[in-house]
């Protein structure tokens, strides 16, 4: 993980770890050479058009749309030391994050924590489909930034 900045700021709809959304895989392929063999990490085809690279011990995940070769999602997980909005980090309690950033809310349909008025951002908790009333007591397991255009119909077809 020589080229990943684990303490870099997390910027919605933009990037984290020194990586940028919308970058082409060919521009950052050096990060993935030897992944799972000569360097720590893994990769998988998570969905038909969604290739995921897990760097290091999973501190950063890079998701690439194989149809256009662009990074559409970056996730910061446990071990990532950078901050979202200068004070929210992976591993903190959701309720503490909600106090610091009142626009955060749990979307039960999406099963994600979103931020009103801030596109290209979601936060995860480890439990799948948790009861909404229990989410504030949970810990943030990942902070995700994504290219907002991927949420549109054309974007879901890889046309972005």
N, C-alpha and C. Protein backbone atom coordinates (compact mmCIF):
# COMPACT_ATOMS: atom_id res chain seq x y z
N UNK A 1 0.84 -1.19 0.00
CA UNK A 1 0.00 0.00 0.00
C UNK A 1 0.88 1.25 0.00
N UNK A 2 1.97 1.17 -0.73
CA UNK A 2 2.92 2.28 -0.78
C UNK A 2 2.31 3.55 -1.34
N UNK A 3 1.32 3.42 -2.23
CA UNK A 3 0.78 4.59 -2.91
C UNK A 3 -0.58 5.04 -2.37
N UNK A 4 -1.04 4.44 -1.29
CA UNK A 4 -2.32 4.80 -0.70
C UNK A 4 -2.05 5.61 0.56
N UNK A 5 -2.73 6.73 0.69
CA UNK A 5 -2.58 7.61 1.85
C UNK A 5 -3.70 7.31 2.83
N UNK A 6 -3.42 6.48 3.82
CA UNK A 6 -4.45 6.05 4.76
C UNK A 6 -4.94 7.15 5.69
N UNK A 7 -4.29 8.30 5.67
CA UNK A 7 -4.75 9.42 6.50
C UNK A 7 -5.30 10.57 5.67
N UNK A 8 -5.51 10.35 4.38
CA UNK A 8 -6.05 11.41 3.51
C UNK A 8 -7.53 11.66 3.83
N UNK A 9 -7.97 12.87 3.61
CA UNK A 9 -9.37 13.24 3.82
C UNK A 9 -10.29 12.40 2.92
N UNK A 10 -11.49 12.17 3.40
CA UNK A 10 -12.52 11.47 2.64
C UNK A 10 -13.45 12.54 2.07
N UNK A 11 -13.54 12.62 0.74
CA UNK A 11 -14.30 13.69 0.09
C UNK A 11 -15.43 13.07 -0.75
N UNK A 12 -16.69 13.31 -0.36
CA UNK A 12 -17.82 12.75 -1.10
C UNK A 12 -17.77 13.09 -2.59
N UNK A 13 -18.18 12.12 -3.41
CA UNK A 13 -18.26 12.29 -4.86
C UNK A 13 -16.91 12.67 -5.48
N UNK A 14 -15.82 12.44 -4.75
CA UNK A 14 -14.50 12.84 -5.24
C UNK A 14 -13.43 11.76 -5.01
N UNK A 15 -13.14 11.43 -3.74
CA UNK A 15 -12.10 10.43 -3.52
C UNK A 15 -11.68 10.27 -2.09
N UNK A 16 -10.71 9.36 -1.90
CA UNK A 16 -10.11 9.11 -0.59
C UNK A 16 -8.80 8.36 -0.82
N UNK A 17 -7.94 8.39 0.17
CA UNK A 17 -6.70 7.64 0.11
C UNK A 17 -5.72 8.09 -0.95
N UNK A 18 -5.93 9.30 -1.48
CA UNK A 18 -5.10 9.76 -2.58
C UNK A 18 -5.59 9.26 -3.93
N UNK A 19 -6.72 8.57 -3.94
CA UNK A 19 -7.33 8.05 -5.17
C UNK A 19 -8.53 8.91 -5.52
N UNK A 20 -8.85 8.94 -6.81
CA UNK A 20 -9.99 9.74 -7.27
C UNK A 20 -11.02 8.87 -7.95
N UNK A 21 -12.27 9.18 -7.70
CA UNK A 21 -13.34 8.56 -8.46
C UNK A 21 -13.20 8.98 -9.92
N UNK A 22 -13.70 8.16 -10.80
CA UNK A 22 -13.70 8.42 -12.24
C UNK A 22 -12.33 8.19 -12.91
N UNK A 23 -11.30 7.84 -12.10
CA UNK A 23 -10.00 7.50 -12.69
C UNK A 23 -10.17 6.23 -13.49
N UNK A 24 -9.38 6.12 -14.53
CA UNK A 24 -9.41 4.90 -15.34
C UNK A 24 -8.48 3.86 -14.72
N UNK A 25 -8.91 2.63 -14.77
CA UNK A 25 -8.13 1.52 -14.20
C UNK A 25 -6.71 1.52 -14.75
N UNK A 26 -6.55 1.79 -16.01
CA UNK A 26 -5.22 1.76 -16.62
C UNK A 26 -4.27 2.77 -15.97
N UNK A 27 -4.82 3.86 -15.41
CA UNK A 27 -3.99 4.88 -14.76
C UNK A 27 -3.50 4.45 -13.37
N UNK A 28 -4.18 3.49 -12.76
CA UNK A 28 -3.80 3.07 -11.40
C UNK A 28 -3.53 1.56 -11.32
N UNK A 29 -3.39 0.91 -12.45
CA UNK A 29 -3.22 -0.55 -12.43
C UNK A 29 -1.99 -1.00 -11.64
N UNK A 30 -0.99 -0.14 -11.53
CA UNK A 30 0.21 -0.49 -10.76
C UNK A 30 -0.13 -0.81 -9.31
N UNK A 31 -1.23 -0.26 -8.78
CA UNK A 31 -1.63 -0.53 -7.40
C UNK A 31 -2.05 -1.98 -7.20
N UNK A 32 -2.49 -2.62 -8.27
CA UNK A 32 -3.08 -3.95 -8.16
C UNK A 32 -2.17 -5.07 -8.64
N UNK A 33 -1.03 -4.72 -9.17
CA UNK A 33 -0.10 -5.75 -9.67
C UNK A 33 0.40 -6.60 -8.50
N UNK A 34 0.24 -7.91 -8.62
CA UNK A 34 0.66 -8.83 -7.57
C UNK A 34 -0.30 -8.93 -6.41
N UNK A 35 -1.46 -8.31 -6.50
CA UNK A 35 -2.43 -8.31 -5.41
C UNK A 35 -2.83 -9.74 -5.05
N UNK A 36 -2.67 -10.07 -3.79
CA UNK A 36 -2.98 -11.41 -3.32
C UNK A 36 -1.83 -12.39 -3.49
N UNK A 37 -0.75 -11.97 -4.14
CA UNK A 37 0.41 -12.84 -4.33
C UNK A 37 1.66 -12.21 -3.73
N UNK A 38 2.13 -11.13 -4.35
CA UNK A 38 3.34 -10.47 -3.85
C UNK A 38 3.02 -9.27 -2.97
N UNK A 39 1.77 -8.86 -2.94
CA UNK A 39 1.35 -7.80 -2.02
C UNK A 39 0.02 -8.19 -1.39
N UNK A 40 -0.20 -7.68 -0.18
CA UNK A 40 -1.40 -7.99 0.57
C UNK A 40 -2.64 -7.42 -0.11
N UNK A 41 -3.72 -8.18 -0.13
CA UNK A 41 -4.96 -7.72 -0.71
C UNK A 41 -5.65 -8.83 -1.48
N UNK A 42 -6.74 -8.47 -2.15
CA UNK A 42 -7.51 -9.44 -2.91
C UNK A 42 -8.32 -8.71 -3.97
N UNK A 43 -8.90 -9.49 -4.87
CA UNK A 43 -9.79 -8.91 -5.86
C UNK A 43 -10.88 -9.92 -6.18
N UNK A 44 -12.02 -9.40 -6.63
CA UNK A 44 -13.15 -10.27 -6.99
C UNK A 44 -14.08 -9.53 -7.94
N UNK A 45 -14.79 -10.32 -8.71
CA UNK A 45 -15.86 -9.79 -9.52
C UNK A 45 -17.10 -9.86 -8.64
N UNK A 46 -17.52 -8.71 -8.09
CA UNK A 46 -18.60 -8.66 -7.11
C UNK A 46 -19.98 -8.75 -7.76
N UNK A 47 -20.08 -8.32 -9.00
CA UNK A 47 -21.30 -8.37 -9.79
C UNK A 47 -20.83 -8.42 -11.25
N UNK A 48 -21.72 -8.66 -12.19
CA UNK A 48 -21.25 -8.82 -13.57
C UNK A 48 -20.35 -7.69 -14.09
N UNK A 49 -20.56 -6.48 -13.64
CA UNK A 49 -19.76 -5.36 -14.15
C UNK A 49 -19.01 -4.62 -13.04
N UNK A 50 -18.89 -5.23 -11.88
CA UNK A 50 -18.32 -4.59 -10.69
C UNK A 50 -17.10 -5.37 -10.21
N UNK A 51 -15.92 -4.86 -10.52
CA UNK A 51 -14.67 -5.48 -10.11
C UNK A 51 -14.16 -4.76 -8.87
N UNK A 52 -13.90 -5.50 -7.78
CA UNK A 52 -13.48 -4.91 -6.50
C UNK A 52 -12.05 -5.31 -6.17
N UNK A 53 -11.25 -4.33 -5.80
CA UNK A 53 -9.88 -4.54 -5.35
C UNK A 53 -9.81 -4.16 -3.88
N UNK A 54 -9.42 -5.09 -3.04
CA UNK A 54 -9.24 -4.83 -1.61
C UNK A 54 -7.75 -4.67 -1.37
N UNK A 55 -7.36 -3.48 -0.94
CA UNK A 55 -5.94 -3.18 -0.73
C UNK A 55 -5.54 -3.40 0.71
N UNK A 56 -4.33 -3.92 0.90
CA UNK A 56 -3.82 -4.18 2.24
C UNK A 56 -4.70 -5.17 2.97
N UNK A 57 -5.07 -4.81 4.19
CA UNK A 57 -5.95 -5.66 5.00
C UNK A 57 -7.41 -5.26 4.82
N UNK A 58 -7.69 -4.53 3.75
CA UNK A 58 -9.06 -4.09 3.47
C UNK A 58 -9.31 -2.66 3.87
N UNK A 59 -8.26 -1.92 4.23
CA UNK A 59 -8.44 -0.52 4.62
C UNK A 59 -9.08 0.30 3.51
N UNK A 60 -8.78 -0.05 2.26
CA UNK A 60 -9.35 0.65 1.11
C UNK A 60 -9.83 -0.39 0.10
N UNK A 61 -11.04 -0.17 -0.42
CA UNK A 61 -11.58 -0.99 -1.49
C UNK A 61 -11.83 -0.06 -2.68
N UNK A 62 -11.39 -0.51 -3.85
CA UNK A 62 -11.56 0.24 -5.09
C UNK A 62 -12.50 -0.58 -5.98
N UNK A 63 -13.61 0.02 -6.41
CA UNK A 63 -14.56 -0.66 -7.29
C UNK A 63 -14.51 -0.02 -8.67
N UNK A 64 -14.38 -0.86 -9.69
CA UNK A 64 -14.25 -0.41 -11.07
C UNK A 64 -15.40 -0.99 -11.89
N UNK A 65 -16.00 -0.14 -12.72
CA UNK A 65 -17.01 -0.59 -13.67
C UNK A 65 -16.26 -1.16 -14.87
N UNK A 66 -16.38 -2.46 -15.12
CA UNK A 66 -15.59 -3.08 -16.18
C UNK A 66 -16.04 -2.64 -17.57
N UNK A 67 -17.24 -2.07 -17.70
CA UNK A 67 -17.72 -1.63 -19.02
C UNK A 67 -16.99 -0.41 -19.51
N UNK A 68 -16.62 0.49 -18.60
CA UNK A 68 -15.92 1.71 -19.04
C UNK A 68 -14.54 1.84 -18.40
N UNK A 69 -14.20 0.93 -17.49
CA UNK A 69 -12.87 0.92 -16.90
C UNK A 69 -12.61 2.03 -15.88
N UNK A 70 -13.69 2.63 -15.34
CA UNK A 70 -13.52 3.74 -14.40
C UNK A 70 -13.86 3.35 -12.97
N UNK A 71 -13.16 3.98 -12.02
CA UNK A 71 -13.43 3.80 -10.60
C UNK A 71 -14.75 4.51 -10.28
N UNK A 72 -15.70 3.74 -9.73
CA UNK A 72 -16.99 4.34 -9.38
C UNK A 72 -17.23 4.40 -7.88
N UNK A 73 -16.44 3.64 -7.09
CA UNK A 73 -16.65 3.61 -5.64
C UNK A 73 -15.31 3.39 -4.95
N UNK A 74 -15.12 4.12 -3.87
CA UNK A 74 -13.96 3.94 -3.00
C UNK A 74 -14.49 3.80 -1.58
N UNK A 75 -14.02 2.79 -0.86
CA UNK A 75 -14.48 2.56 0.51
C UNK A 75 -13.30 2.57 1.47
N UNK A 76 -13.48 3.27 2.57
CA UNK A 76 -12.51 3.28 3.66
C UNK A 76 -13.07 2.40 4.77
N UNK A 77 -12.27 1.43 5.23
CA UNK A 77 -12.70 0.52 6.29
C UNK A 77 -11.75 0.61 7.47
N UNK A 78 -11.93 -0.29 8.44
CA UNK A 78 -11.11 -0.30 9.63
C UNK A 78 -9.62 -0.25 9.28
N UNK A 79 -8.91 0.64 9.92
CA UNK A 79 -7.49 0.85 9.62
C UNK A 79 -7.24 2.12 8.83
N UNK A 80 -8.29 2.64 8.19
CA UNK A 80 -8.17 3.91 7.47
C UNK A 80 -8.22 5.03 8.51
N UNK A 81 -7.28 5.97 8.44
CA UNK A 81 -7.16 7.00 9.48
C UNK A 81 -7.64 8.39 9.05
N UNK A 82 -8.06 8.54 7.81
CA UNK A 82 -8.53 9.83 7.34
C UNK A 82 -9.94 10.13 7.84
N UNK A 83 -10.34 11.38 7.72
CA UNK A 83 -11.62 11.84 8.25
C UNK A 83 -12.55 12.33 7.14
N UNK A 84 -13.82 12.13 7.38
CA UNK A 84 -14.89 12.72 6.58
C UNK A 84 -15.34 13.97 7.31
N UNK A 85 -15.48 15.07 6.61
CA UNK A 85 -15.90 16.35 7.21
C UNK A 85 -15.02 16.73 8.40
N UNK A 86 -13.76 16.37 8.36
CA UNK A 86 -12.74 16.72 9.34
C UNK A 86 -12.90 16.08 10.72
N UNK A 87 -13.98 15.29 10.96
CA UNK A 87 -14.13 14.73 12.29
C UNK A 87 -14.85 13.38 12.36
N UNK A 88 -15.32 12.86 11.25
CA UNK A 88 -16.00 11.56 11.25
C UNK A 88 -15.05 10.52 10.69
N UNK A 89 -14.94 9.37 11.38
CA UNK A 89 -13.98 8.36 10.97
C UNK A 89 -14.55 6.95 11.12
N UNK A 90 -13.96 6.01 10.42
CA UNK A 90 -14.34 4.61 10.52
C UNK A 90 -14.01 4.14 11.94
N UNK A 91 -14.97 3.48 12.58
CA UNK A 91 -14.77 2.97 13.93
C UNK A 91 -15.48 3.80 14.99
N UNK A 92 -15.98 4.99 14.63
CA UNK A 92 -16.70 5.78 15.64
C UNK A 92 -18.16 5.35 15.68
N UNK A 93 -18.82 5.67 16.77
CA UNK A 93 -20.24 5.35 16.93
C UNK A 93 -21.07 6.24 16.00
N UNK A 94 -22.11 5.65 15.41
CA UNK A 94 -23.00 6.38 14.52
C UNK A 94 -23.61 7.57 15.24
N UNK A 95 -24.05 7.39 16.48
CA UNK A 95 -24.69 8.49 17.21
C UNK A 95 -23.74 9.67 17.38
N UNK A 96 -22.45 9.40 17.60
CA UNK A 96 -21.48 10.49 17.73
C UNK A 96 -21.30 11.23 16.41
N UNK A 97 -21.29 10.46 15.31
CA UNK A 97 -21.18 11.08 13.99
C UNK A 97 -22.41 11.93 13.69
N UNK A 98 -23.58 11.46 14.10
CA UNK A 98 -24.83 12.20 13.85
C UNK A 98 -24.90 13.49 14.65
N UNK A 99 -24.27 13.51 15.80
CA UNK A 99 -24.20 14.74 16.59
C UNK A 99 -23.27 15.74 15.88
N UNK A 100 -22.14 15.25 15.39
CA UNK A 100 -21.18 16.12 14.71
C UNK A 100 -21.68 16.59 13.35
N UNK A 101 -22.47 15.75 12.69
CA UNK A 101 -23.00 16.09 11.36
C UNK A 101 -24.49 15.74 11.35
N UNK A 102 -25.35 16.73 11.67
CA UNK A 102 -26.79 16.47 11.81
C UNK A 102 -27.50 16.08 10.50
N UNK A 103 -26.85 16.24 9.37
CA UNK A 103 -27.48 15.84 8.10
C UNK A 103 -27.44 14.32 7.88
N UNK A 104 -26.69 13.60 8.70
CA UNK A 104 -26.62 12.14 8.58
C UNK A 104 -27.93 11.52 9.05
N UNK A 105 -28.39 10.50 8.33
CA UNK A 105 -29.60 9.77 8.71
C UNK A 105 -29.52 8.35 8.15
N UNK A 106 -30.22 7.44 8.81
CA UNK A 106 -30.25 6.07 8.36
C UNK A 106 -31.40 5.89 7.39
N UNK A 107 -31.12 5.41 6.18
CA UNK A 107 -32.13 5.12 5.18
C UNK A 107 -32.42 3.62 5.23
N UNK A 108 -33.58 3.28 5.76
CA UNK A 108 -33.92 1.88 5.98
C UNK A 108 -34.04 1.12 4.66
N UNK A 109 -34.54 1.76 3.62
CA UNK A 109 -34.69 1.09 2.32
C UNK A 109 -33.33 0.75 1.71
N UNK A 110 -32.38 1.67 1.82
CA UNK A 110 -31.04 1.46 1.26
C UNK A 110 -30.13 0.69 2.22
N UNK A 111 -30.53 0.63 3.49
CA UNK A 111 -29.72 0.03 4.55
C UNK A 111 -28.35 0.69 4.66
N UNK A 112 -28.35 2.01 4.51
CA UNK A 112 -27.13 2.82 4.56
C UNK A 112 -27.39 4.08 5.36
N UNK A 113 -26.32 4.66 5.85
CA UNK A 113 -26.40 5.99 6.44
C UNK A 113 -26.03 6.96 5.32
N UNK A 114 -26.91 7.90 5.08
CA UNK A 114 -26.71 8.89 4.02
C UNK A 114 -26.62 10.28 4.65
N UNK A 115 -26.30 11.26 3.84
CA UNK A 115 -26.16 12.63 4.32
C UNK A 115 -26.98 13.55 3.41
N UNK A 116 -28.00 14.17 3.98
CA UNK A 116 -28.87 15.06 3.20
C UNK A 116 -28.06 16.15 2.50
N UNK A 117 -28.32 16.30 1.20
CA UNK A 117 -27.67 17.35 0.43
C UNK A 117 -26.23 17.06 0.04
N UNK A 118 -25.74 15.86 0.33
CA UNK A 118 -24.36 15.50 0.00
C UNK A 118 -24.38 14.26 -0.90
N UNK A 119 -24.28 14.45 -2.21
CA UNK A 119 -24.27 13.30 -3.11
C UNK A 119 -22.93 12.56 -3.06
N UNK A 120 -22.99 11.30 -3.42
CA UNK A 120 -21.76 10.52 -3.53
C UNK A 120 -21.16 10.10 -2.21
N UNK A 121 -22.02 9.84 -1.20
CA UNK A 121 -21.53 9.46 0.13
C UNK A 121 -22.49 8.50 0.80
N UNK A 122 -21.94 7.46 1.42
CA UNK A 122 -22.73 6.59 2.30
C UNK A 122 -21.81 6.03 3.36
N UNK A 123 -22.41 5.66 4.49
CA UNK A 123 -21.68 5.04 5.59
C UNK A 123 -22.34 3.71 5.89
N UNK A 124 -21.53 2.73 6.24
CA UNK A 124 -22.04 1.39 6.54
C UNK A 124 -21.86 1.05 8.01
N UNK A 125 -22.73 0.16 8.48
CA UNK A 125 -22.53 -0.53 9.75
C UNK A 125 -22.37 -2.01 9.40
N UNK A 126 -21.78 -2.77 10.27
CA UNK A 126 -21.46 -4.16 9.95
C UNK A 126 -22.70 -5.05 9.84
N UNK A 127 -23.72 -4.77 10.62
CA UNK A 127 -24.91 -5.62 10.60
C UNK A 127 -25.73 -5.41 9.33
N UNK A 128 -26.25 -6.49 8.78
CA UNK A 128 -27.10 -6.42 7.59
C UNK A 128 -28.54 -6.22 8.04
N UNK A 129 -29.20 -5.23 7.44
CA UNK A 129 -30.60 -4.91 7.73
C UNK A 129 -30.89 -4.77 9.23
N UNK A 130 -30.15 -3.86 9.89
CA UNK A 130 -30.38 -3.69 11.33
C UNK A 130 -31.70 -2.97 11.61
N UNK A 131 -32.27 -3.18 12.78
CA UNK A 131 -33.45 -2.40 13.16
C UNK A 131 -33.03 -0.92 13.23
N UNK A 132 -33.78 -0.02 12.62
CA UNK A 132 -33.37 1.39 12.58
C UNK A 132 -33.06 2.00 13.94
N UNK A 133 -33.79 1.59 14.97
CA UNK A 133 -33.57 2.17 16.29
C UNK A 133 -32.23 1.74 16.90
N UNK A 134 -31.63 0.66 16.40
CA UNK A 134 -30.35 0.21 16.95
C UNK A 134 -29.14 0.79 16.21
N UNK A 135 -29.35 1.41 15.07
CA UNK A 135 -28.24 1.92 14.26
C UNK A 135 -27.39 2.96 15.01
N UNK A 136 -27.97 3.93 15.72
CA UNK A 136 -27.13 4.93 16.39
C UNK A 136 -26.10 4.35 17.35
N UNK A 137 -26.39 3.23 17.98
CA UNK A 137 -25.45 2.62 18.92
C UNK A 137 -24.36 1.80 18.23
N UNK A 138 -24.50 1.61 16.92
CA UNK A 138 -23.54 0.80 16.17
C UNK A 138 -22.32 1.62 15.78
N UNK A 139 -21.30 0.90 15.32
CA UNK A 139 -20.06 1.51 14.90
C UNK A 139 -20.03 1.63 13.38
N UNK A 140 -19.47 2.72 12.87
CA UNK A 140 -19.31 2.90 11.43
C UNK A 140 -18.24 1.90 10.96
N UNK A 141 -18.63 0.99 10.07
CA UNK A 141 -17.68 -0.02 9.59
C UNK A 141 -17.01 0.39 8.29
N UNK A 142 -17.62 1.31 7.54
CA UNK A 142 -17.02 1.79 6.29
C UNK A 142 -17.61 3.14 5.91
N UNK A 143 -16.79 3.95 5.27
CA UNK A 143 -17.25 5.21 4.68
C UNK A 143 -16.98 5.08 3.19
N UNK A 144 -18.03 5.25 2.40
CA UNK A 144 -17.97 5.06 0.95
C UNK A 144 -18.18 6.37 0.22
N UNK A 145 -17.37 6.61 -0.79
CA UNK A 145 -17.62 7.73 -1.70
C UNK A 145 -17.83 7.11 -3.08
N UNK A 146 -18.76 7.68 -3.82
CA UNK A 146 -19.06 7.12 -5.13
C UNK A 146 -19.38 8.23 -6.12
N UNK A 147 -19.22 7.92 -7.40
CA UNK A 147 -19.52 8.86 -8.48
C UNK A 147 -21.04 8.98 -8.56
N UNK A 148 -21.57 10.15 -8.27
CA UNK A 148 -23.01 10.31 -8.19
C UNK A 148 -23.73 9.97 -9.48
N UNK A 149 -23.06 10.13 -10.62
CA UNK A 149 -23.71 9.84 -11.89
C UNK A 149 -24.01 8.35 -12.07
N UNK A 150 -23.39 7.50 -11.28
CA UNK A 150 -23.67 6.06 -11.38
C UNK A 150 -25.04 5.72 -10.81
N UNK A 151 -25.67 6.64 -10.12
CA UNK A 151 -26.99 6.42 -9.55
C UNK A 151 -28.11 6.70 -10.54
N UNK A 152 -27.78 7.31 -11.69
CA UNK A 152 -28.77 7.59 -12.73
C UNK A 152 -28.91 6.36 -13.63
N UNK A 153 -29.97 6.29 -14.41
CA UNK A 153 -30.21 5.14 -15.27
C UNK A 153 -29.05 4.90 -16.24
N UNK A 154 -28.58 5.95 -16.90
CA UNK A 154 -27.45 5.80 -17.84
C UNK A 154 -26.22 5.32 -17.09
N UNK A 155 -25.99 5.82 -15.89
CA UNK A 155 -24.86 5.41 -15.10
C UNK A 155 -24.92 3.95 -14.71
N UNK A 156 -26.12 3.46 -14.45
CA UNK A 156 -26.28 2.05 -14.10
C UNK A 156 -26.01 1.14 -15.30
N UNK A 157 -26.07 1.72 -16.50
CA UNK A 157 -25.73 0.98 -17.72
C UNK A 157 -24.25 1.15 -18.06
N UNK A 158 -23.49 1.88 -17.24
CA UNK A 158 -22.07 2.08 -17.51
C UNK A 158 -21.77 3.25 -18.40
N UNK A 159 -22.77 4.07 -18.67
CA UNK A 159 -22.62 5.22 -19.56
C UNK A 159 -22.39 6.49 -18.74
N UNK A 160 -21.17 6.64 -18.26
CA UNK A 160 -20.82 7.83 -17.48
C UNK A 160 -19.37 8.12 -17.68
